[in-house]
Amino acid sequence: MAKSFQLLLTESVDGLGIVGDVVTVRSGYARNYLLPRELATEPSEERVKALAGRREEAQREMAKRRSDRETMVEKLEGFEITLIRACNDLGHLYGSVTQQDIAQALNEQHFAVKPRDVRLNQTIKRVGHYEVHIRPESDLEATVKLAVNADRPLDLDKIEQPAAKPMPEPEAAPEGEAPAGEEGEAKPKGKKKAKGDAEDAHDEKPAKKGDGGEKGEKKKSKKE
């Protein structure tokens, strides 16, 4: 069976054509959708002529719908809607705002907007202000302002973010020495520094003792 063939639409189909149009479709789409629902049939001159009147009526309706959508888009530009949603103390919603939610809110304001006309460029999951694009047709678009408010008062302004701790200033180095951090790592401060100094002093003692031991061996050798 051919992968695609022509059919005559007996009803208008969104995204495909209006009644009386002869369209080319894939065989699977025809067998599984159009033909079982009697939305299309095999084209013939007689059938095309029989649908001519309905086709003209569909064209008039399509032109009117186009005009209505153009008017709606003009009114929608900059239009503001508000949705109230439950959220936690940080303003995160217990569920995201969907295309259906926005379309329903606009329909309540007498705008014939379908969920598929709502284009979201992000997932809305917290209170705030957003811009939503409404596109009823590929070349018709408007931007709607959406405010998502909490269902109760929130003290979001009082939530403080942890302040960044300032970096400690380097200690002044004695004259003739490089400041700590320029050559090697800085020495530990406070008790750790004192402990480190004690350990350095302890390491030096065996060397001094060794010096005394050598002198003692010399004296012993002279007595002998």
N, C-alpha and C. Protein backbone atom coordinates (compact mmCIF):
# COMPACT_ATOMS: atom_id res chain seq x y z
N MET A 1 0.85 -1.20 0.00
CA MET A 1 0.00 0.00 0.00
C MET A 1 0.88 1.25 0.00
N ALA A 2 0.46 2.26 -0.72
CA ALA A 2 1.24 3.49 -0.81
C ALA A 2 1.39 4.13 0.56
N LYS A 3 2.55 4.77 0.78
CA LYS A 3 2.80 5.43 2.06
C LYS A 3 1.93 6.66 2.24
N SER A 4 1.55 7.31 1.16
CA SER A 4 0.68 8.48 1.23
C SER A 4 -0.20 8.53 -0.01
N PHE A 5 -1.36 9.16 0.12
CA PHE A 5 -2.26 9.32 -1.01
C PHE A 5 -3.20 10.47 -0.74
N GLN A 6 -4.02 10.83 -1.70
CA GLN A 6 -4.91 11.98 -1.60
C GLN A 6 -6.29 11.58 -1.11
N LEU A 7 -6.86 12.47 -0.28
CA LEU A 7 -8.21 12.29 0.22
C LEU A 7 -8.96 13.61 0.13
N LEU A 8 -10.27 13.52 0.04
CA LEU A 8 -11.16 14.68 0.03
C LEU A 8 -11.74 14.85 1.42
N LEU A 9 -11.50 16.01 2.02
CA LEU A 9 -12.03 16.24 3.37
C LEU A 9 -13.53 16.51 3.32
N THR A 10 -14.27 15.73 4.09
CA THR A 10 -15.72 15.95 4.20
C THR A 10 -16.06 16.82 5.41
N GLU A 11 -15.06 17.08 6.27
CA GLU A 11 -15.19 17.98 7.41
C GLU A 11 -13.88 18.74 7.55
N SER A 12 -13.97 19.89 8.17
CA SER A 12 -12.74 20.67 8.41
C SER A 12 -11.93 19.99 9.51
N VAL A 13 -10.62 19.91 9.30
CA VAL A 13 -9.72 19.28 10.27
C VAL A 13 -8.62 20.28 10.61
N ASP A 14 -8.51 20.61 11.90
CA ASP A 14 -7.49 21.59 12.33
C ASP A 14 -6.10 21.13 11.91
N GLY A 15 -5.35 22.06 11.34
CA GLY A 15 -3.99 21.78 10.93
C GLY A 15 -3.87 21.02 9.62
N LEU A 16 -5.01 20.69 9.01
CA LEU A 16 -4.96 19.93 7.76
C LEU A 16 -5.67 20.65 6.63
N GLY A 17 -6.90 21.09 6.85
CA GLY A 17 -7.65 21.80 5.81
C GLY A 17 -9.11 21.92 6.18
N ILE A 18 -9.87 22.53 5.28
CA ILE A 18 -11.31 22.71 5.50
C ILE A 18 -12.07 21.75 4.59
N VAL A 19 -13.36 21.63 4.88
CA VAL A 19 -14.19 20.73 4.09
C VAL A 19 -14.10 21.10 2.61
N GLY A 20 -13.98 20.07 1.76
CA GLY A 20 -13.86 20.30 0.32
C GLY A 20 -12.43 20.36 -0.17
N ASP A 21 -11.45 20.40 0.75
CA ASP A 21 -10.04 20.40 0.36
C ASP A 21 -9.61 18.98 -0.02
N VAL A 22 -8.78 18.89 -1.04
CA VAL A 22 -8.14 17.63 -1.39
C VAL A 22 -6.72 17.69 -0.83
N VAL A 23 -6.42 16.79 0.10
CA VAL A 23 -5.16 16.84 0.81
C VAL A 23 -4.39 15.53 0.62
N THR A 24 -3.09 15.62 0.81
CA THR A 24 -2.22 14.44 0.75
C THR A 24 -1.84 14.06 2.17
N VAL A 25 -2.12 12.84 2.56
CA VAL A 25 -1.86 12.38 3.92
C VAL A 25 -1.17 11.02 3.88
N ARG A 26 -0.58 10.66 5.02
CA ARG A 26 0.04 9.35 5.14
C ARG A 26 -1.04 8.27 5.29
N SER A 27 -0.73 7.09 4.83
CA SER A 27 -1.72 6.02 4.84
C SER A 27 -2.16 5.66 6.27
N GLY A 28 -1.22 5.68 7.21
CA GLY A 28 -1.59 5.35 8.59
C GLY A 28 -2.54 6.36 9.18
N TYR A 29 -2.31 7.65 8.92
CA TYR A 29 -3.19 8.71 9.41
C TYR A 29 -4.58 8.57 8.80
N ALA A 30 -4.62 8.21 7.53
CA ALA A 30 -5.90 8.04 6.85
C ALA A 30 -6.67 6.85 7.42
N ARG A 31 -6.00 5.71 7.53
CA ARG A 31 -6.67 4.48 7.99
C ARG A 31 -7.10 4.56 9.44
N ASN A 32 -6.25 5.16 10.29
CA ASN A 32 -6.50 5.14 11.73
C ASN A 32 -7.33 6.31 12.25
N TYR A 33 -7.38 7.40 11.47
CA TYR A 33 -8.07 8.59 12.00
C TYR A 33 -9.13 9.15 11.04
N LEU A 34 -8.72 9.54 9.85
CA LEU A 34 -9.63 10.25 8.96
C LEU A 34 -10.78 9.37 8.46
N LEU A 35 -10.46 8.23 7.91
CA LEU A 35 -11.50 7.37 7.32
C LEU A 35 -12.44 6.78 8.37
N PRO A 36 -11.95 6.25 9.49
CA PRO A 36 -12.89 5.71 10.48
C PRO A 36 -13.86 6.74 11.04
N ARG A 37 -13.45 8.01 11.12
CA ARG A 37 -14.31 9.07 11.66
C ARG A 37 -15.10 9.78 10.56
N GLU A 38 -14.98 9.29 9.35
CA GLU A 38 -15.70 9.84 8.20
C GLU A 38 -15.39 11.32 8.01
N LEU A 39 -14.15 11.67 8.22
CA LEU A 39 -13.70 13.04 8.00
C LEU A 39 -13.17 13.24 6.59
N ALA A 40 -12.97 12.15 5.87
CA ALA A 40 -12.43 12.24 4.51
C ALA A 40 -12.90 11.03 3.70
N THR A 41 -12.80 11.17 2.39
CA THR A 41 -13.17 10.08 1.49
C THR A 41 -12.31 10.18 0.24
N GLU A 42 -12.45 9.22 -0.65
CA GLU A 42 -11.70 9.27 -1.89
C GLU A 42 -12.24 10.39 -2.77
N PRO A 43 -11.37 11.17 -3.36
CA PRO A 43 -11.85 12.32 -4.16
C PRO A 43 -12.41 11.88 -5.52
N SER A 44 -13.42 12.62 -5.94
CA SER A 44 -13.99 12.45 -7.28
C SER A 44 -14.62 13.78 -7.66
N GLU A 45 -14.85 14.00 -8.96
CA GLU A 45 -15.43 15.27 -9.41
C GLU A 45 -16.80 15.49 -8.81
N GLU A 46 -17.60 14.45 -8.74
CA GLU A 46 -18.96 14.58 -8.20
C GLU A 46 -18.92 14.98 -6.72
N ARG A 47 -18.07 14.35 -5.97
CA ARG A 47 -17.99 14.65 -4.53
C ARG A 47 -17.44 16.05 -4.29
N VAL A 48 -16.46 16.47 -5.10
CA VAL A 48 -15.91 17.81 -4.95
C VAL A 48 -16.99 18.85 -5.23
N LYS A 49 -17.81 18.66 -6.27
CA LYS A 49 -18.89 19.59 -6.59
C LYS A 49 -19.95 19.59 -5.49
N ALA A 50 -20.21 18.41 -4.91
CA ALA A 50 -21.23 18.31 -3.86
C ALA A 50 -20.81 19.07 -2.61
N LEU A 51 -19.53 19.18 -2.37
CA LEU A 51 -19.03 19.86 -1.17
C LEU A 51 -18.66 21.32 -1.43
N ALA A 52 -18.89 21.81 -2.65
CA ALA A 52 -18.48 23.17 -3.00
C ALA A 52 -19.18 24.20 -2.12
N GLY A 53 -20.48 24.03 -1.88
CA GLY A 53 -21.22 24.99 -1.05
C GLY A 53 -20.71 25.01 0.38
N ARG A 54 -20.48 23.85 0.95
CA ARG A 54 -19.96 23.78 2.32
C ARG A 54 -18.55 24.36 2.40
N ARG A 55 -17.82 24.19 1.32
CA ARG A 55 -16.46 24.73 1.31
C ARG A 55 -16.48 26.26 1.35
N GLU A 56 -17.36 26.88 0.58
CA GLU A 56 -17.46 28.35 0.59
C GLU A 56 -17.88 28.84 1.97
N GLU A 57 -18.80 28.14 2.60
CA GLU A 57 -19.23 28.53 3.95
C GLU A 57 -18.07 28.39 4.94
N ALA A 58 -17.29 27.32 4.81
CA ALA A 58 -16.14 27.12 5.69
C ALA A 58 -15.10 28.21 5.48
N GLN A 59 -14.94 28.67 4.24
CA GLN A 59 -13.98 29.73 3.97
C GLN A 59 -14.40 31.04 4.63
N ARG A 60 -15.72 31.31 4.60
CA ARG A 60 -16.22 32.53 5.26
C ARG A 60 -16.01 32.44 6.77
N GLU A 61 -16.26 31.28 7.32
CA GLU A 61 -16.07 31.10 8.76
C GLU A 61 -14.59 31.22 9.13
N MET A 62 -13.74 30.70 8.27
CA MET A 62 -12.31 30.78 8.53
C MET A 62 -11.82 32.23 8.48
N ALA A 63 -12.34 33.01 7.53
CA ALA A 63 -11.96 34.42 7.45
C ALA A 63 -12.43 35.19 8.67
N LYS A 64 -13.64 34.88 9.15
CA LYS A 64 -14.17 35.54 10.34
C LYS A 64 -13.34 35.16 11.57
N ARG A 65 -12.99 33.88 11.66
CA ARG A 65 -12.18 33.42 12.81
C ARG A 65 -10.82 34.10 12.80
N ARG A 66 -10.28 34.27 11.62
CA ARG A 66 -8.99 34.96 11.50
C ARG A 66 -9.11 36.40 11.97
N SER A 67 -10.16 37.07 11.58
CA SER A 67 -10.37 38.46 11.99
C SER A 67 -10.57 38.55 13.50
N ASP A 68 -11.33 37.60 14.06
CA ASP A 68 -11.56 37.60 15.51
C ASP A 68 -10.26 37.38 16.27
N ARG A 69 -9.41 36.52 15.75
CA ARG A 69 -8.14 36.25 16.42
C ARG A 69 -7.20 37.45 16.35
N GLU A 70 -7.22 38.15 15.23
CA GLU A 70 -6.40 39.35 15.12
C GLU A 70 -6.83 40.39 16.15
N THR A 71 -8.14 40.55 16.31
CA THR A 71 -8.67 41.49 17.31
C THR A 71 -8.31 41.04 18.71
N MET A 72 -8.42 39.74 18.96
CA MET A 72 -8.12 39.21 20.29
C MET A 72 -6.66 39.42 20.65
N VAL A 73 -5.77 39.21 19.69
CA VAL A 73 -4.34 39.36 19.94
C VAL A 73 -4.02 40.81 20.29
N GLU A 74 -4.67 41.74 19.64
CA GLU A 74 -4.45 43.16 19.95
C GLU A 74 -4.87 43.48 21.38
N LYS A 75 -5.99 42.90 21.82
CA LYS A 75 -6.48 43.15 23.18
C LYS A 75 -5.65 42.41 24.22
N LEU A 76 -5.09 41.27 23.84
CA LEU A 76 -4.31 40.47 24.79
C LEU A 76 -2.94 41.07 25.08
N GLU A 77 -2.41 41.83 24.15
CA GLU A 77 -1.06 42.38 24.33
C GLU A 77 -1.00 43.24 25.60
N GLY A 78 -0.18 42.77 26.58
CA GLY A 78 -0.04 43.49 27.83
C GLY A 78 -1.13 43.22 28.84
N PHE A 79 -2.10 42.36 28.51
CA PHE A 79 -3.19 42.06 29.43
C PHE A 79 -2.65 41.35 30.67
N GLU A 80 -3.20 41.65 31.85
CA GLU A 80 -2.71 41.09 33.10
C GLU A 80 -3.73 40.14 33.71
N ILE A 81 -3.26 38.98 34.14
CA ILE A 81 -4.12 38.02 34.85
C ILE A 81 -3.41 37.61 36.13
N THR A 82 -4.18 37.20 37.12
CA THR A 82 -3.64 36.81 38.42
C THR A 82 -4.16 35.42 38.79
N LEU A 83 -3.26 34.58 39.26
CA LEU A 83 -3.62 33.25 39.74
C LEU A 83 -3.20 33.13 41.20
N ILE A 84 -4.06 32.57 42.03
CA ILE A 84 -3.77 32.36 43.45
C ILE A 84 -3.46 30.88 43.64
N ARG A 85 -2.31 30.59 44.25
CA ARG A 85 -1.88 29.21 44.42
C ARG A 85 -1.33 28.99 45.83
N ALA A 86 -1.50 27.76 46.32
CA ALA A 86 -0.93 27.37 47.61
C ALA A 86 0.57 27.15 47.45
N CYS A 87 1.32 27.55 48.48
CA CYS A 87 2.77 27.43 48.41
C CYS A 87 3.34 27.31 49.82
N ASN A 88 4.65 27.04 49.90
CA ASN A 88 5.30 26.98 51.21
C ASN A 88 5.79 28.36 51.62
N ASP A 89 6.51 28.43 52.73
CA ASP A 89 6.94 29.72 53.25
C ASP A 89 7.94 30.43 52.34
N LEU A 90 8.59 29.69 51.45
CA LEU A 90 9.56 30.29 50.54
C LEU A 90 8.93 30.66 49.20
N GLY A 91 7.62 30.43 49.05
CA GLY A 91 6.95 30.80 47.81
C GLY A 91 6.97 29.74 46.74
N HIS A 92 7.42 28.54 47.07
CA HIS A 92 7.41 27.46 46.08
C HIS A 92 6.02 26.81 46.04
N LEU A 93 5.46 26.70 44.85
CA LEU A 93 4.11 26.18 44.70
C LEU A 93 4.07 24.68 44.96
N TYR A 94 2.90 24.22 45.41
CA TYR A 94 2.68 22.78 45.59
C TYR A 94 2.22 22.15 44.28
N GLY A 95 2.60 22.70 43.18
CA GLY A 95 2.22 22.23 41.85
C GLY A 95 2.45 23.37 40.87
N SER A 96 2.87 23.06 39.67
CA SER A 96 3.20 24.11 38.71
C SER A 96 1.94 24.66 38.03
N VAL A 97 2.06 25.87 37.50
CA VAL A 97 0.99 26.50 36.72
C VAL A 97 1.07 25.95 35.30
N THR A 98 -0.05 25.44 34.78
CA THR A 98 -0.06 24.78 33.48
C THR A 98 -0.67 25.66 32.40
N GLN A 99 -0.54 25.20 31.15
CA GLN A 99 -1.18 25.89 30.03
C GLN A 99 -2.69 25.92 30.20
N GLN A 100 -3.24 24.82 30.73
CA GLN A 100 -4.68 24.75 30.97
C GLN A 100 -5.12 25.82 31.96
N ASP A 101 -4.33 26.03 33.03
CA ASP A 101 -4.67 27.04 34.03
C ASP A 101 -4.73 28.43 33.41
N ILE A 102 -3.75 28.74 32.58
CA ILE A 102 -3.69 30.08 31.98
C ILE A 102 -4.80 30.25 30.96
N ALA A 103 -5.06 29.23 30.14
CA ALA A 103 -6.13 29.31 29.15
C ALA A 103 -7.48 29.49 29.84
N GLN A 104 -7.70 28.78 30.94
CA GLN A 104 -8.96 28.91 31.67
C GLN A 104 -9.13 30.31 32.23
N ALA A 105 -8.04 30.87 32.78
CA ALA A 105 -8.11 32.23 33.32
C ALA A 105 -8.44 33.24 32.23
N LEU A 106 -7.89 33.05 31.04
CA LEU A 106 -8.17 33.97 29.93
C LEU A 106 -9.58 33.77 29.39
N ASN A 107 -10.07 32.55 29.39
CA ASN A 107 -11.45 32.31 28.96
C ASN A 107 -12.44 32.95 29.90
N GLU A 108 -12.10 32.99 31.19
CA GLU A 108 -12.97 33.67 32.16
C GLU A 108 -13.03 35.17 31.91
N GLN A 109 -12.01 35.69 31.21
CA GLN A 109 -11.99 37.10 30.82
C GLN A 109 -12.48 37.29 29.38
N HIS A 110 -13.17 36.25 28.86
CA HIS A 110 -13.82 36.30 27.54
C HIS A 110 -12.83 36.32 26.38
N PHE A 111 -11.70 35.65 26.55
CA PHE A 111 -10.75 35.47 25.46
C PHE A 111 -10.80 33.99 25.04
N ALA A 112 -11.04 33.76 23.76
CA ALA A 112 -11.14 32.39 23.26
C ALA A 112 -9.75 31.81 23.02
N VAL A 113 -9.10 31.42 24.11
CA VAL A 113 -7.75 30.89 24.04
C VAL A 113 -7.78 29.41 24.41
N LYS A 114 -7.13 28.59 23.60
CA LYS A 114 -7.03 27.17 23.88
C LYS A 114 -5.71 26.87 24.59
N PRO A 115 -5.64 25.79 25.36
CA PRO A 115 -4.38 25.46 26.04
C PRO A 115 -3.19 25.36 25.09
N ARG A 116 -3.42 24.85 23.89
CA ARG A 116 -2.31 24.72 22.95
C ARG A 116 -1.84 26.08 22.41
N ASP A 117 -2.66 27.13 22.59
CA ASP A 117 -2.25 28.48 22.17
C ASP A 117 -1.29 29.12 23.17
N VAL A 118 -1.22 28.56 24.38
CA VAL A 118 -0.37 29.12 25.43
C VAL A 118 1.03 28.53 25.29
N ARG A 119 2.02 29.39 25.15
CA ARG A 119 3.40 28.95 24.97
C ARG A 119 4.21 29.36 26.20
N LEU A 120 4.64 28.38 26.97
CA LEU A 120 5.44 28.64 28.16
C LEU A 120 6.91 28.35 27.86
N ASN A 121 7.78 29.31 28.15
CA ASN A 121 9.21 29.10 27.93
C ASN A 121 9.92 28.66 29.20
N GLN A 122 9.14 28.44 30.28
CA GLN A 122 9.71 27.96 31.53
C GLN A 122 8.62 27.32 32.38
N THR A 123 9.02 26.51 33.34
CA THR A 123 8.07 25.90 34.25
C THR A 123 7.80 26.87 35.39
N ILE A 124 6.54 27.18 35.62
CA ILE A 124 6.16 28.14 36.66
C ILE A 124 5.87 27.36 37.93
N LYS A 125 6.80 27.45 38.91
CA LYS A 125 6.67 26.66 40.13
C LYS A 125 6.85 27.49 41.40
N ARG A 126 6.78 28.83 41.28
CA ARG A 126 6.85 29.65 42.48
C ARG A 126 6.12 30.97 42.23
N VAL A 127 5.78 31.66 43.31
CA VAL A 127 5.07 32.92 43.18
C VAL A 127 5.98 33.93 42.49
N GLY A 128 5.35 34.87 41.80
CA GLY A 128 6.14 35.88 41.09
C GLY A 128 5.39 36.39 39.87
N HIS A 129 6.10 37.15 39.05
CA HIS A 129 5.53 37.73 37.84
C HIS A 129 6.22 37.13 36.62
N TYR A 130 5.39 36.81 35.62
CA TYR A 130 5.89 36.14 34.42
C TYR A 130 5.28 36.75 33.17
N GLU A 131 5.93 36.52 32.05
CA GLU A 131 5.40 36.88 30.74
C GLU A 131 5.08 35.61 29.98
N VAL A 132 3.86 35.53 29.47
CA VAL A 132 3.39 34.32 28.78
C VAL A 132 3.00 34.71 27.35
N HIS A 133 3.44 33.91 26.39
CA HIS A 133 3.13 34.16 24.99
C HIS A 133 1.88 33.38 24.57
N ILE A 134 0.97 34.08 23.93
CA ILE A 134 -0.24 33.47 23.40
C ILE A 134 -0.16 33.51 21.88
N ARG A 135 -0.23 32.32 21.25
CA ARG A 135 -0.07 32.24 19.80
C ARG A 135 -1.20 31.39 19.21
N PRO A 136 -2.32 32.02 18.87
CA PRO A 136 -3.44 31.27 18.28
C PRO A 136 -3.15 30.78 16.87
N GLU A 137 -2.27 31.50 16.17
CA GLU A 137 -1.82 31.08 14.85
C GLU A 137 -0.33 31.36 14.73
N SER A 138 0.30 30.76 13.75
CA SER A 138 1.75 30.85 13.66
C SER A 138 2.25 32.29 13.50
N ASP A 139 1.42 33.16 12.90
CA ASP A 139 1.84 34.54 12.66
C ASP A 139 1.09 35.53 13.54
N LEU A 140 0.38 35.04 14.56
CA LEU A 140 -0.34 35.91 15.49
C LEU A 140 0.14 35.59 16.91
N GLU A 141 0.63 36.60 17.61
CA GLU A 141 1.15 36.37 18.95
C GLU A 141 0.98 37.59 19.83
N ALA A 142 0.71 37.36 21.11
CA ALA A 142 0.59 38.43 22.09
C ALA A 142 1.28 37.98 23.37
N THR A 143 1.74 38.95 24.16
CA THR A 143 2.40 38.67 25.43
C THR A 143 1.49 39.10 26.57
N VAL A 144 1.19 38.15 27.44
CA VAL A 144 0.32 38.39 28.59
C VAL A 144 1.15 38.42 29.86
N LYS A 145 0.82 39.31 30.78
CA LYS A 145 1.52 39.39 32.06
C LYS A 145 0.77 38.56 33.09
N LEU A 146 1.49 37.63 33.69
CA LEU A 146 0.90 36.72 34.67
C LEU A 146 1.49 36.96 36.05
N ALA A 147 0.62 37.15 37.04
CA ALA A 147 1.05 37.29 38.43
C ALA A 147 0.56 36.06 39.19
N VAL A 148 1.50 35.33 39.77
CA VAL A 148 1.16 34.17 40.59
C VAL A 148 1.34 34.57 42.05
N ASN A 149 0.24 34.67 42.78
CA ASN A 149 0.26 35.11 44.16
C ASN A 149 -0.02 33.96 45.11
N ALA A 150 0.50 34.08 46.33
CA ALA A 150 0.29 33.06 47.35
C ALA A 150 -1.12 33.19 47.92
N ASP A 151 -1.62 32.08 48.45
CA ASP A 151 -2.96 32.08 49.04
C ASP A 151 -2.96 32.58 50.48
N ARG A 152 -1.81 33.08 50.93
CA ARG A 152 -1.68 33.61 52.29
C ARG A 152 -0.51 34.59 52.31
N PRO A 153 -0.46 35.45 53.33
CA PRO A 153 0.64 36.41 53.39
C PRO A 153 1.98 35.71 53.58
N LEU A 154 2.99 36.21 52.88
CA LEU A 154 4.35 35.68 53.01
C LEU A 154 5.30 36.80 53.36
N ASP A 155 6.32 36.49 54.15
CA ASP A 155 7.36 37.46 54.52
C ASP A 155 8.62 37.15 53.74
N LEU A 156 8.51 37.14 52.43
CA LEU A 156 9.66 36.79 51.60
C LEU A 156 10.78 37.81 51.75
N ASP A 157 10.42 39.08 51.98
CA ASP A 157 11.44 40.12 52.09
C ASP A 157 12.27 39.96 53.36
N LYS A 158 11.72 39.28 54.37
CA LYS A 158 12.43 39.13 55.63
C LYS A 158 13.38 37.93 55.62
N ILE A 159 13.30 37.12 54.61
CA ILE A 159 14.19 35.96 54.53
C ILE A 159 15.54 36.45 54.04
N GLU A 160 16.54 36.40 54.92
CA GLU A 160 17.86 36.92 54.58
C GLU A 160 18.75 35.80 54.06
N GLN A 161 19.46 36.11 53.04
CA GLN A 161 20.45 35.18 52.52
C GLN A 161 21.73 35.31 53.35
N PRO A 162 22.43 34.20 53.62
CA PRO A 162 23.67 34.30 54.40
C PRO A 162 24.68 35.21 53.73
N ALA A 163 25.19 36.19 54.52
CA ALA A 163 26.13 37.16 53.96
C ALA A 163 27.49 36.51 53.76
N ALA A 164 28.17 36.92 52.73
CA ALA A 164 29.50 36.38 52.44
C ALA A 164 30.49 36.92 53.47
N LYS A 165 31.30 36.03 54.04
CA LYS A 165 32.28 36.46 55.04
C LYS A 165 33.45 37.18 54.37
N PRO A 166 33.87 38.35 54.94
CA PRO A 166 35.01 39.06 54.32
C PRO A 166 36.31 38.28 54.50
N MET A 167 37.17 38.37 53.53
CA MET A 167 38.47 37.71 53.59
C MET A 167 39.35 38.43 54.60
N PRO A 168 40.10 37.68 55.47
CA PRO A 168 40.98 38.35 56.44
C PRO A 168 42.12 39.07 55.75
N GLU A 169 42.46 40.24 56.30
CA GLU A 169 43.55 41.02 55.71
C GLU A 169 44.89 40.40 56.08
N PRO A 170 45.86 40.34 55.17
CA PRO A 170 47.17 39.75 55.49
C PRO A 170 47.91 40.58 56.53
N GLU A 171 48.63 39.89 57.44
CA GLU A 171 49.38 40.58 58.48
C GLU A 171 50.61 41.28 57.88
N ALA A 172 50.98 42.39 58.50
CA ALA A 172 52.15 43.12 58.02
C ALA A 172 53.41 42.31 58.31
N ALA A 173 54.26 42.14 57.34
CA ALA A 173 55.50 41.37 57.49
C ALA A 173 56.62 42.28 57.96
N PRO A 174 57.59 41.75 58.76
CA PRO A 174 58.76 42.57 59.18
C PRO A 174 59.53 43.05 57.97
N GLU A 175 60.28 44.12 58.19
CA GLU A 175 61.05 44.68 57.09
C GLU A 175 62.05 43.66 56.56
N GLY A 176 62.15 43.59 55.27
CA GLY A 176 63.09 42.66 54.65
C GLY A 176 62.50 41.30 54.39
N GLU A 177 61.26 41.01 54.86
CA GLU A 177 60.63 39.72 54.63
C GLU A 177 59.39 39.92 53.77
N ALA A 178 59.07 38.90 52.96
CA ALA A 178 57.89 38.97 52.11
C ALA A 178 56.65 38.71 52.93
N PRO A 179 55.54 39.40 52.66
CA PRO A 179 54.29 39.15 53.38
C PRO A 179 53.87 37.71 53.18
N ALA A 180 53.16 37.19 54.21
CA ALA A 180 52.66 35.83 54.12
C ALA A 180 51.72 35.70 52.95
N GLY A 181 51.86 34.62 52.20
CA GLY A 181 51.00 34.42 51.04
C GLY A 181 51.71 34.69 49.76
N GLU A 182 52.79 35.53 49.79
CA GLU A 182 53.51 35.81 48.57
C GLU A 182 54.54 34.73 48.28
N GLU A 183 55.20 34.24 49.37
CA GLU A 183 56.17 33.16 49.18
C GLU A 183 55.75 32.03 50.12
N GLY A 184 55.24 30.96 49.52
CA GLY A 184 54.79 29.84 50.33
C GLY A 184 53.49 30.15 51.01
N GLU A 185 53.09 29.32 51.99
CA GLU A 185 51.82 29.47 52.69
C GLU A 185 52.04 30.25 53.97
N ALA A 186 50.98 30.91 54.44
CA ALA A 186 51.06 31.67 55.68
C ALA A 186 51.12 30.71 56.85
N LYS A 187 51.84 31.12 57.91
CA LYS A 187 51.93 30.28 59.10
C LYS A 187 50.63 30.32 59.86
N PRO A 188 50.28 29.23 60.57
CA PRO A 188 49.05 29.23 61.37
C PRO A 188 49.12 30.29 62.45
N LYS A 189 47.94 30.75 62.87
CA LYS A 189 47.85 31.82 63.86
C LYS A 189 47.57 31.24 65.24
N GLY A 190 47.69 32.08 66.26
CA GLY A 190 47.25 31.75 67.61
C GLY A 190 48.08 30.65 68.24
N LYS A 191 47.37 29.73 68.94
CA LYS A 191 48.02 28.66 69.69
C LYS A 191 48.78 27.73 68.76
N LYS A 192 48.21 27.48 67.58
CA LYS A 192 48.86 26.58 66.65
C LYS A 192 50.23 27.11 66.25
N LYS A 193 50.33 28.46 66.13
CA LYS A 193 51.59 29.07 65.74
C LYS A 193 52.62 28.88 66.85
N ALA A 194 52.19 29.06 68.13
CA ALA A 194 53.10 28.90 69.26
C ALA A 194 53.57 27.47 69.35
N LYS A 195 52.65 26.53 69.12
CA LYS A 195 53.00 25.12 69.17
C LYS A 195 54.02 24.79 68.09
N GLY A 196 53.78 25.35 66.90
CA GLY A 196 54.69 25.12 65.81
C GLY A 196 56.08 25.65 66.12
N ASP A 197 56.16 26.85 66.79
CA ASP A 197 57.43 27.43 67.15
C ASP A 197 58.16 26.56 68.16
N ALA A 198 57.38 25.99 69.12
CA ALA A 198 57.97 25.13 70.13
C ALA A 198 58.56 23.90 69.50
N GLU A 199 57.85 23.35 68.52
CA GLU A 199 58.34 22.16 67.84
C GLU A 199 59.63 22.49 67.07
N ASP A 200 59.69 23.71 66.46
CA ASP A 200 60.89 24.11 65.75
C ASP A 200 62.07 24.22 66.70
N ALA A 201 61.79 24.78 67.92
CA ALA A 201 62.86 24.94 68.91
C ALA A 201 63.34 23.58 69.40
N HIS A 202 62.37 22.65 69.56
CA HIS A 202 62.70 21.30 70.03
C HIS A 202 63.58 20.59 69.00
N ASP A 203 63.30 20.84 67.73
CA ASP A 203 64.09 20.20 66.68
C ASP A 203 65.53 20.71 66.66
N GLU A 204 65.74 21.97 67.14
CA GLU A 204 67.07 22.54 67.08
C GLU A 204 67.97 22.05 68.22
N LYS A 205 67.37 21.61 69.37
CA LYS A 205 68.15 21.22 70.54
C LYS A 205 69.11 20.08 70.28
N PRO A 206 68.67 19.00 69.60
CA PRO A 206 69.62 17.89 69.37
C PRO A 206 70.86 18.35 68.63
N ALA A 207 70.71 19.31 67.73
CA ALA A 207 71.86 19.79 66.98
C ALA A 207 72.87 20.44 67.91
N LYS A 208 72.37 21.27 68.91
CA LYS A 208 73.25 21.94 69.86
C LYS A 208 73.92 20.93 70.76
N LYS A 209 73.14 19.91 71.18
CA LYS A 209 73.68 18.88 72.05
C LYS A 209 74.77 18.11 71.32
N GLY A 210 74.52 17.91 70.03
CA GLY A 210 75.52 17.22 69.23
C GLY A 210 76.82 17.99 69.17
N ASP A 211 76.70 19.33 69.12
CA ASP A 211 77.91 20.15 69.08
C ASP A 211 78.71 19.98 70.36
N GLY A 212 78.00 19.97 71.53
CA GLY A 212 78.67 19.79 72.82
C GLY A 212 79.31 18.42 72.92
N GLY A 213 78.68 17.43 72.35
CA GLY A 213 79.19 16.05 72.40
C GLY A 213 80.50 15.94 71.65
N GLU A 214 80.63 16.62 70.56
CA GLU A 214 81.86 16.57 69.79
C GLU A 214 83.02 17.18 70.58
N LYS A 215 82.75 18.31 71.31
CA LYS A 215 83.78 18.94 72.12
C LYS A 215 84.23 18.01 73.24
N GLY A 216 83.22 17.27 73.82
CA GLY A 216 83.54 16.36 74.91
C GLY A 216 84.45 15.23 74.42
N GLU A 217 84.23 14.75 73.24
CA GLU A 217 85.05 13.68 72.69
C GLU A 217 86.46 14.17 72.46
N LYS A 218 86.62 15.44 72.04
CA LYS A 218 87.96 16.01 71.84
C LYS A 218 88.73 16.08 73.15
N LYS A 219 88.05 16.56 74.24
CA LYS A 219 88.70 16.68 75.53
C LYS A 219 89.14 15.30 76.02
N LYS A 220 88.29 14.30 75.84
CA LYS A 220 88.57 12.93 76.30
C LYS A 220 89.81 12.38 75.60
N SER A 221 89.90 12.67 74.30
CA SER A 221 91.03 12.15 73.51
C SER A 221 92.36 12.78 73.98
N LYS A 222 92.35 14.05 74.46
CA LYS A 222 93.55 14.70 74.93
C LYS A 222 94.03 14.07 76.23
N LYS A 223 93.06 13.73 77.13
CA LYS A 223 93.44 13.10 78.40
C LYS A 223 94.11 11.77 78.14
N GLU A 224 93.56 11.03 77.15
CA GLU A 224 94.15 9.75 76.84
C GLU A 224 95.55 9.92 76.30
